[in-house]
Amino acid sequence: MTLDHGLGFMIRLMLGKPQKPLTIGRVAKQAGIGIDAIRFYERRGLLPEPRRTESGYRLYRPATVVRLHFIRRAKALGFSLDEIVTLLALQDTGGPKSEVKAITHRKLEQIEAKIADLERMRDVLRELDRDCSGTGDVRGCPIIETLSGTPDDDSAGVDTLKIHREATP
């Protein structure tokens, strides 16, 4: 993912020159997310509470767009909102890289475990697919029989309950 802002925007942002506050609609458009998502992130503490006009409209700093891009990228990589809150707090306070690395390492381990679960599930489904002719009535279908089996019935040679237990948190 890349930012959709030009070099001038980034330079002004880095130099800290005052910029015109943005309405929630403009922030949503620039960040490529919905207004409800911005409000949700605000409630969850991922965004600082914006100042408001006398009539109650939210006014955001342009840096909010950059923060929302951070959130979107982190979500795309599988980080939970709680993990993103922690990463943002570390960024905001200049926290240690070791904590960022530890969070990332735990996420990588979780993803690798999910991949292993998906590979086991694929192998089971591949075997069931191979065993089914796909023709005739559903009676005697090896897929249906395996899915309907009891924990002690492993006639297909597949421990589907083990796969299910391992695949669900």
Protein backbone atom coordinates (compact mmCIF):
# COMPACT_ATOMS: atom_id res chain seq x y z
CA MET A 1 0.00 0.00 0.00
CA THR A 2 1.21 3.48 -0.75
CA LEU A 3 0.14 6.92 0.36
CA ASP A 4 -1.82 8.88 -2.19
CA HIS A 5 -0.26 12.17 -1.16
CA GLY A 6 2.33 14.12 -3.07
CA LEU A 7 5.77 15.06 -1.87
CA GLY A 8 4.62 18.55 -0.87
CA PHE A 9 2.06 17.12 1.55
CA MET A 10 4.68 14.94 3.22
CA ILE A 11 7.22 17.79 3.46
CA ARG A 12 4.65 20.12 5.04
CA LEU A 13 3.66 17.35 7.42
CA MET A 14 7.27 16.67 8.44
CA LEU A 15 8.13 20.35 8.82
CA GLY A 16 5.13 20.88 11.02
CA LYS A 17 3.81 23.87 9.11
CA PRO A 18 0.28 24.66 10.14
CA GLN A 19 -2.27 23.11 7.85
CA LYS A 20 -5.97 23.58 7.54
CA PRO A 21 -7.93 21.11 9.67
CA LEU A 22 -9.85 18.42 7.83
CA THR A 23 -13.47 17.41 8.21
CA ILE A 24 -14.26 13.76 8.83
CA GLY A 25 -15.46 13.39 5.24
CA ARG A 26 -12.20 14.72 3.82
CA VAL A 27 -10.13 12.51 6.15
CA ALA A 28 -12.20 9.49 5.12
CA LYS A 29 -11.70 10.25 1.44
CA GLN A 30 -7.95 10.83 1.75
CA ALA A 31 -7.47 7.70 3.88
CA GLY A 32 -9.76 5.56 1.73
CA ILE A 33 -11.96 4.41 4.61
CA GLY A 34 -15.49 5.09 5.79
CA ILE A 35 -16.61 7.75 8.21
CA ASP A 36 -17.97 5.09 10.58
CA ALA A 37 -14.53 3.45 10.68
CA ILE A 38 -12.95 6.74 11.72
CA ARG A 39 -15.49 7.15 14.51
CA PHE A 40 -14.89 3.54 15.58
CA TYR A 41 -11.11 4.03 15.69
CA GLU A 42 -11.67 7.18 17.69
CA ARG A 43 -13.79 5.30 20.25
CA ARG A 44 -11.21 2.48 20.46
CA GLY A 45 -8.41 4.95 21.15
CA LEU A 46 -6.50 4.50 17.90
CA LEU A 47 -7.09 8.13 16.97
CA PRO A 48 -6.86 11.12 19.26
CA GLU A 49 -10.13 12.88 19.85
CA PRO A 50 -10.38 15.74 17.36
CA ARG A 51 -11.30 19.25 18.29
CA ARG A 52 -14.81 20.31 17.40
CA THR A 53 -16.43 23.37 15.96
CA GLU A 54 -19.08 25.24 17.91
CA SER A 55 -21.67 23.26 15.98
CA GLY A 56 -20.03 19.94 16.93
CA TYR A 57 -18.27 19.05 13.67
CA ARG A 58 -15.02 17.16 14.08
CA LEU A 59 -11.86 18.85 12.82
CA TYR A 60 -8.84 16.60 12.31
CA ARG A 61 -5.18 17.36 11.89
CA PRO A 62 -3.78 16.25 8.51
CA ALA A 63 -1.52 13.79 10.38
CA THR A 64 -4.68 11.80 11.09
CA VAL A 65 -4.63 10.57 7.48
CA VAL A 66 -1.11 9.20 7.93
CA ARG A 67 -2.18 7.49 11.16
CA LEU A 68 -5.15 5.90 9.39
CA HIS A 69 -2.84 4.57 6.68
CA PHE A 70 -0.70 3.03 9.46
CA ILE A 71 -3.83 1.36 10.89
CA ARG A 72 -4.91 0.04 7.48
CA ARG A 73 -1.46 -1.40 6.77
CA ALA A 74 -1.26 -3.03 10.19
CA LYS A 75 -4.73 -4.56 9.75
CA ALA A 76 -3.76 -5.84 6.30
CA LEU A 77 -0.80 -7.63 7.92
CA GLY A 78 -3.13 -9.31 10.43
CA PHE A 79 -2.49 -7.24 13.54
CA SER A 80 -5.47 -7.02 15.89
CA LEU A 81 -6.82 -3.65 17.00
CA ASP A 82 -5.32 -4.17 20.45
CA GLU A 83 -1.92 -4.88 18.87
CA ILE A 84 -2.30 -1.78 16.69
CA VAL A 85 -3.10 0.33 19.76
CA THR A 86 0.13 -0.93 21.33
CA LEU A 87 2.17 -0.30 18.17
CA LEU A 88 0.78 3.23 17.90
CA ALA A 89 1.54 3.89 21.56
CA LEU A 90 5.11 2.69 21.02
CA GLN A 91 5.40 4.95 17.98
CA ASP A 92 3.90 7.93 19.84
CA THR A 93 6.15 7.57 22.86
CA GLY A 94 9.32 6.48 21.09
CA GLY A 95 9.16 3.07 22.75
CA PRO A 96 11.79 0.38 22.30
CA LYS A 97 12.17 -1.49 19.01
CA SER A 98 12.41 -4.71 21.01
CA GLU A 99 8.71 -4.42 21.93
CA VAL A 100 7.74 -3.78 18.31
CA LYS A 101 9.80 -6.77 17.23
CA ALA A 102 8.25 -8.99 19.93
CA ILE A 103 4.72 -8.07 18.83
CA THR A 104 5.67 -8.74 15.21
CA HIS A 105 7.32 -12.05 16.10
CA ARG A 106 4.20 -13.24 17.97
CA LYS A 107 2.05 -12.27 14.98
CA LEU A 108 4.35 -14.18 12.64
CA GLU A 109 4.09 -17.28 14.85
CA GLN A 110 0.28 -17.01 14.82
CA ILE A 111 0.24 -16.70 11.03
CA GLU A 112 2.57 -19.69 10.62
CA ALA A 113 0.28 -21.77 12.88
CA LYS A 114 -2.75 -20.74 10.80
CA ILE A 115 -0.93 -21.70 7.61
CA ALA A 116 -0.14 -25.14 9.07
CA ASP A 117 -3.83 -25.56 10.01
CA LEU A 118 -4.93 -24.53 6.53
CA GLU A 119 -2.49 -26.98 4.96
CA ARG A 120 -3.88 -29.83 7.10
CA MET A 121 -7.42 -28.85 6.17
CA ARG A 122 -6.45 -28.70 2.48
CA ASP A 123 -4.96 -32.20 2.68
CA VAL A 124 -8.14 -33.58 4.25
CA LEU A 125 -10.36 -31.88 1.67
CA ARG A 126 -8.10 -33.03 -1.16
CA GLU A 127 -8.43 -36.64 0.03
CA LEU A 128 -12.19 -36.34 0.39
CA ASP A 129 -12.45 -34.77 -3.06
CA ARG A 130 -10.36 -37.59 -4.53
CA ASP A 131 -12.58 -40.23 -2.86
CA CYS A 132 -15.85 -38.79 -4.18
CA SER A 133 -16.94 -39.61 -7.73
CA GLY A 134 -19.25 -36.60 -7.89
CA THR A 135 -21.93 -38.61 -9.66
CA GLY A 136 -25.16 -40.20 -8.50
CA ASP A 137 -27.20 -39.74 -5.37
CA VAL A 138 -25.71 -38.25 -2.20
CA ARG A 139 -26.21 -41.56 -0.36
CA GLY A 140 -22.87 -43.23 0.06
CA CYS A 141 -20.96 -40.00 -0.61
CA PRO A 142 -17.61 -40.29 1.20
CA ILE A 143 -17.59 -36.55 1.96
CA ILE A 144 -21.01 -36.62 3.62
CA GLU A 145 -20.17 -39.83 5.47
CA THR A 146 -16.92 -38.39 6.81
CA LEU A 147 -18.57 -35.16 7.90
CA SER A 148 -21.42 -37.12 9.55
CA GLY A 149 -19.07 -39.54 11.33
CA THR A 150 -18.61 -39.74 15.08
CA PRO A 151 -15.29 -38.96 16.81
CA ASP A 152 -14.56 -42.69 17.06
CA ASP A 153 -15.44 -43.35 13.40
CA ASP A 154 -12.35 -42.70 11.33
CA SER A 155 -13.30 -44.91 8.40
CA ALA A 156 -11.89 -42.40 5.92
CA GLY A 157 -8.55 -42.40 7.73
CA VAL A 158 -8.98 -38.74 8.58
CA ASP A 159 -9.22 -37.30 12.07
CA THR A 160 -11.50 -34.41 11.14
CA LEU A 161 -12.25 -33.50 14.73
CA LYS A 162 -8.53 -33.06 15.41
CA ILE A 163 -8.31 -30.72 12.43
CA HIS A 164 -11.33 -28.78 13.70
CA ARG A 165 -9.95 -28.46 17.25
CA GLU A 166 -6.59 -27.26 15.98
CA ALA A 167 -8.07 -24.83 13.46
CA THR A 168 -10.36 -23.03 15.90
CA PRO A 169 -9.00 -20.81 18.66
